[in-house]
Amino acid sequence: LSAGTYNVSVQDSNGCTTTGSILVIDEPGAISIMSEIATDLTCYGNGDGTITINASGGVGILSYSIDGGSTYPSTSGSFTGLSAGTYNISVQDSNGCNISGSSLTITEPAAFTANTNAVPSNCGQGDGQASVEVFGGIGPFTYLWDDTGNSTTDTITGLGAGVYNVTVTDSNGCTSISAATITDASAGTSTASVIQNATCFGGCDGSATVTVTGGTAPLTYLWDDPAAQTVQTAIGLCADEYIVDITDANGCVLTDSVNIVEPPELMSALTTTAATSGSCNGTATVTAAGGTGSYTYLWDDPLAQTTATATGLCPGSITVTVTDANGCESIKIDSIGTVIGLSEITSPAKLNIFPNPNQGSFKVEYKLNTSENAIISIYNNIGEIVLSYNLGVSLNGVYTVNMNSQANGIYYIQLATDSKIWNKKISLIK
């Protein structure tokens, strides 16, 4: 029976009837959904959507469903932690009576991402740069970097090599974290080293090289030697300090230096002992110092003697070459003098000197028995030749000698031919 008012009549088999009291049948109140409210997700993928249903009527406690009545898990009408999607509302009372509500859709914002861009630092100068670009989310956005200044802009500068994180927050409080890696295109490191020092004092056969680790190829080199060499290994270097600049493809410059050294100067001193007139019994001794290691000797006498002292030397020029362990040389030249006796010229030749004493100029008159090569030499009192005149092939003559440049003292005049030597003593008084 539907809800309503009913009168009851009863009749027996004899046709007798009686009328009973009125029966009133009631029906429960209808379920009424008064409100259905959905809230969208605050951030993409958060799962924080909600639905709130407010209903009345029905019998007993009302239960609520958001899956079209498959389940009625809530008696409060409140659903939380919902993902984006469409939800079908249904309300049911204790008698199992139900009513369908609306279909509610929960949405979520677009995916919110932050992408970073990085500009490298150059040559260790700390001039790198990082920026962030935002996709999705709800603006306006705020930024927070983890650099030393905790920058709050979308672009930061003055960065050295490293990783920099940025947190971007939109107006819903949603965040996205991204990282920018700053590299440093530095020139690397360099090591300059000596390949060879100068072999001899004053020599320029040194060489040096520089090795670079890192940097960006190709590399260029510039040495500050006089030749301004532009190669990795510089040669022909004298003793000195040299600076080399290395520039890589990014323009980063490394500067290094190296010292080329030289051994002490090889020095020698030569002393001689004069030969006896008409003999080859002079001596010469060389004393060496400096240079490197031991020394070897070579004289230019006919025997090519190789000791520090040469003996049996005839009058005249003598040269010795001293060589050290590096092949460096010191050359000395001196003269072997003649010890002049006081014996006068004897027959058959004639040798006259006049005036004697003299004041700087005198004449030498000579007469030989046969024509021969003749040389007039003038020695000081320690046997050194101070003047010499080659007369060529001659038999006799008079030769004028000028000694104005010589000091006062005793001198010896020697007339030497192919076969004999004669001597005279003179005095110079100016």
Foldseek 3Di string as FASTA:
>chain_A
DDFAKAKDKDADPVRDIDIDDIDGGDDWWDKAWDDWDKEADLAPPPQWIKIATDIDTDDAQKFKAFAFPPDGPDSRRIDTSHHFDKTWIKMAHPVRDMDTDDIDTHYHWDHKEKDKDKAAAEAQQQWIKMFIDIDTDADDKWKFKPPPVRDTDRMDTSGHFDKMKMWIAHPSRDIYIDIDGHHYQHQADKDKDWPAAAQAQVFQFTKIFMDGDHHADDKWKFKPDPVRDTDRMDGRGHFDKMKMWIAHPRRHIDIDIDGHDHWFHKDKDKDKEAAAVPFQWIKMAMDIDIHDADKWKFKPDPVRDIDRMDGSGHWFKIKMWIAHPSRDIDIDIDTHFYQDDADADDPDKDWDWPDFQDAFKIKIWIAAPAWFWKKKFKAANRRDTDDIDTPGGDGIDMDMGGGNVDDWDKMKIWIDTPPDIGIHIGTHDD
